[in-house]
């Protein structure tokens, strides 16, 4: 009986270990929580850019990975490049902005 209990405890511990490591972040992948946080940041940045009247939002792409926002796409002027980066930096949770916007 003790042996069965011991084996059951070992199996439960191994199952918990596998479950926790499956949700952990790796250098190339985000954990589930990080992915959700990044999705929220991306949505907030897109909304802020959409609400900025001087920016054409459909030509600006926003991606977030580990709280680093990457802007890409085309804008009409250098001022728009700067403005988009400023808008993104103001969002709570953004650690840095990689601005890859190009002027047409």
C-alpha atoms as a PDB file:
ATOM      1  CA  UNK A   1       0.000   0.000   0.000  1.00  0.00           C
ATOM      2  CA  UNK A   2       2.821   2.402   0.837  1.00  0.00           C
ATOM      3  CA  UNK A   3       4.433   1.639  -2.483  1.00  0.00           C
ATOM      4  CA  UNK A   4       1.238   2.531  -4.402  1.00  0.00           C
ATOM      5  CA  UNK A   5       0.906   5.791  -2.484  1.00  0.00           C
ATOM      6  CA  UNK A   6       4.528   6.645  -3.185  1.00  0.00           C
ATOM      7  CA  UNK A   7       4.130   5.937  -6.903  1.00  0.00           C
ATOM      8  CA  UNK A   8       0.956   8.031  -7.028  1.00  0.00           C
ATOM      9  CA  UNK A   9       2.752  10.940  -5.336  1.00  0.00           C
ATOM     10  CA  UNK A  10       5.597  10.672  -7.841  1.00  0.00           C
ATOM     11  CA  UNK A  11       3.186  10.661 -10.786  1.00  0.00           C
ATOM     12  CA  UNK A  12       1.338  13.721  -9.462  1.00  0.00           C
ATOM     13  CA  UNK A  13       4.623  15.591  -8.896  1.00  0.00           C
ATOM     14  CA  UNK A  14       5.807  14.779 -12.417  1.00  0.00           C
ATOM     15  CA  UNK A  15       2.477  15.907 -13.886  1.00  0.00           C
ATOM     16  CA  UNK A  16       2.694  19.221 -12.030  1.00  0.00           C
ATOM     17  CA  UNK A  17       6.297  19.692 -13.113  1.00  0.00           C
ATOM     18  CA  UNK A  18       5.376  19.125 -16.763  1.00  0.00           C
ATOM     19  CA  UNK A  19       2.392  21.464 -16.513  1.00  0.00           C
ATOM     20  CA  UNK A  20       4.435  24.304 -15.018  1.00  0.00           C
ATOM     21  CA  UNK A  21       7.335  24.004 -17.439  1.00  0.00           C
ATOM     22  CA  UNK A  22       4.969  23.909 -20.427  1.00  0.00           C
ATOM     23  CA  UNK A  23       3.691  27.382 -19.515  1.00  0.00           C
ATOM     24  CA  UNK A  24       7.105  28.859 -18.807  1.00  0.00           C
ATOM     25  CA  UNK A  25       8.715  31.354 -21.147  1.00  0.00           C
ATOM     26  CA  UNK A  26      11.781  30.455 -23.151  1.00  0.00           C
ATOM     27  CA  UNK A  27      14.225  32.857 -24.798  1.00  0.00           C
ATOM     28  CA  UNK A  28      12.402  32.503 -28.129  1.00  0.00           C
ATOM     29  CA  UNK A  29       8.844  32.022 -26.894  1.00  0.00           C
ATOM     30  CA  UNK A  30       6.524  33.921 -24.597  1.00  0.00           C
ATOM     31  CA  UNK A  31       4.569  32.427 -21.749  1.00  0.00           C
ATOM     32  CA  UNK A  32       0.796  32.585 -21.935  1.00  0.00           C
ATOM     33  CA  UNK A  33       0.715  35.562 -19.569  1.00  0.00           C
ATOM     34  CA  UNK A  34       3.319  37.475 -21.571  1.00  0.00           C
ATOM     35  CA  UNK A  35       1.411  36.822 -24.784  1.00  0.00           C
ATOM     36  CA  UNK A  36      -1.792  38.209 -23.269  1.00  0.00           C
ATOM     37  CA  UNK A  37       0.069  41.253 -21.878  1.00  0.00           C
ATOM     38  CA  UNK A  38       1.651  41.908 -25.277  1.00  0.00           C
ATOM     39  CA  UNK A  39      -1.743  41.613 -26.980  1.00  0.00           C
ATOM     40  CA  UNK A  40      -3.161  44.216 -24.612  1.00  0.00           C
ATOM     41  CA  UNK A  41      -0.228  46.563 -25.260  1.00  0.00           C
ATOM     42  CA  UNK A  42      -0.614  46.106 -29.036  1.00  0.00           C
ATOM     43  CA  UNK A  43      -4.322  46.922 -28.825  1.00  0.00           C
ATOM     44  CA  UNK A  44      -3.681  50.020 -26.706  1.00  0.00           C
ATOM     45  CA  UNK A  45      -1.002  51.285 -29.114  1.00  0.00           C
ATOM     46  CA  UNK A  46      -3.228  50.696 -32.151  1.00  0.00           C
ATOM     47  CA  UNK A  47      -6.089  52.518 -30.438  1.00  0.00           C
ATOM     48  CA  UNK A  48      -3.870  55.461 -29.503  1.00  0.00           C
ATOM     49  CA  UNK A  49      -2.521  55.701 -33.060  1.00  0.00           C
ATOM     50  CA  UNK A  50      -6.070  55.453 -34.439  1.00  0.00           C
ATOM     51  CA  UNK A  51      -7.178  58.306 -32.164  1.00  0.00           C
ATOM     52  CA  UNK A  52      -4.279  60.497 -33.353  1.00  0.00           C
ATOM     53  CA  UNK A  53      -5.774  62.529 -36.201  1.00  0.00           C
ATOM     54  CA  UNK A  54      -2.440  63.209 -37.926  1.00  0.00           C
ATOM     55  CA  UNK A  55      -1.581  59.520 -38.469  1.00  0.00           C
ATOM     56  CA  UNK A  56      -2.940  57.180 -41.144  1.00  0.00           C
ATOM     57  CA  UNK A  57      -3.578  54.099 -39.055  1.00  0.00           C
ATOM     58  CA  UNK A  58      -4.140  51.599 -41.838  1.00  0.00           C
ATOM     59  CA  UNK A  59      -0.557  52.000 -43.039  1.00  0.00           C
ATOM     60  CA  UNK A  60       1.036  51.482 -39.612  1.00  0.00           C
ATOM     61  CA  UNK A  61       1.549  47.937 -38.332  1.00  0.00           C
ATOM     62  CA  UNK A  62       2.077  47.310 -34.622  1.00  0.00           C
ATOM     63  CA  UNK A  63       3.585  44.186 -33.061  1.00  0.00           C
ATOM     64  CA  UNK A  64       4.657  43.652 -29.469  1.00  0.00           C
ATOM     65  CA  UNK A  65       7.082  41.086 -28.065  1.00  0.00           C
ATOM     66  CA  UNK A  66       7.997  41.132 -24.381  1.00  0.00           C
ATOM     67  CA  UNK A  67       6.752  44.737 -23.976  1.00  0.00           C
ATOM     68  CA  UNK A  68       8.860  45.993 -26.906  1.00  0.00           C
ATOM     69  CA  UNK A  69       6.635  47.614 -29.527  1.00  0.00           C
ATOM     70  CA  UNK A  70       7.675  47.396 -33.167  1.00  0.00           C
ATOM     71  CA  UNK A  71       6.168  49.887 -35.597  1.00  0.00           C
ATOM     72  CA  UNK A  72       6.368  49.217 -39.324  1.00  0.00           C
ATOM     73  CA  UNK A  73       4.732  50.495 -42.472  1.00  0.00           C
ATOM     74  CA  UNK A  74       4.587  53.735 -44.410  1.00  0.00           C
ATOM     75  CA  UNK A  75       3.711  57.297 -43.423  1.00  0.00           C
ATOM     76  CA  UNK A  76       3.620  60.595 -45.295  1.00  0.00           C
ATOM     77  CA  UNK A  77       6.222  62.599 -43.354  1.00  0.00           C
ATOM     78  CA  UNK A  78       9.101  62.435 -40.907  1.00  0.00           C
ATOM     79  CA  UNK A  79       6.863  64.162 -38.360  1.00  0.00           C
ATOM     80  CA  UNK A  80       4.467  61.212 -38.576  1.00  0.00           C
ATOM     81  CA  UNK A  81       7.333  58.806 -37.864  1.00  0.00           C
ATOM     82  CA  UNK A  82       8.233  60.749 -34.736  1.00  0.00           C
ATOM     83  CA  UNK A  83       4.607  61.193 -33.653  1.00  0.00           C
ATOM     84  CA  UNK A  84       3.806  57.479 -33.946  1.00  0.00           C
ATOM     85  CA  UNK A  85       6.798  56.590 -31.756  1.00  0.00           C
ATOM     86  CA  UNK A  86       5.790  59.214 -29.186  1.00  0.00           C
ATOM     87  CA  UNK A  87       2.233  57.887 -29.071  1.00  0.00           C
ATOM     88  CA  UNK A  88       3.487  54.312 -28.586  1.00  0.00           C
ATOM     89  CA  UNK A  89       5.923  55.307 -25.806  1.00  0.00           C
ATOM     90  CA  UNK A  90       3.107  56.928 -23.805  1.00  0.00           C
ATOM     91  CA  UNK A  91       1.248  53.631 -23.434  1.00  0.00           C
ATOM     92  CA  UNK A  92       1.530  51.983 -20.034  1.00  0.00           C
ATOM     93  CA  UNK A  93       3.564  48.773 -20.137  1.00  0.00           C
ATOM     94  CA  UNK A  94       5.688  49.708 -23.153  1.00  0.00           C
ATOM     95  CA  UNK A  95       9.369  49.263 -22.327  1.00  0.00           C
ATOM     96  CA  UNK A  96      10.744  50.468 -25.644  1.00  0.00           C
ATOM     97  CA  UNK A  97       9.735  51.220 -29.227  1.00  0.00           C
ATOM     98  CA  UNK A  98      11.500  50.008 -32.360  1.00  0.00           C
ATOM     99  CA  UNK A  99      10.424  52.447 -35.020  1.00  0.00           C
ATOM    100  CA  UNK A 100      10.656  50.942 -38.494  1.00  0.00           C
ATOM    101  CA  UNK A 101       8.278  53.359 -40.187  1.00  0.00           C
ATOM    102  CA  UNK A 102       9.303  54.619 -43.596  1.00  0.00           C
ATOM    103  CA  UNK A 103       8.386  57.873 -45.326  1.00  0.00           C
ATOM    104  CA  UNK A 104       6.819  57.342 -48.769  1.00  0.00           C
END
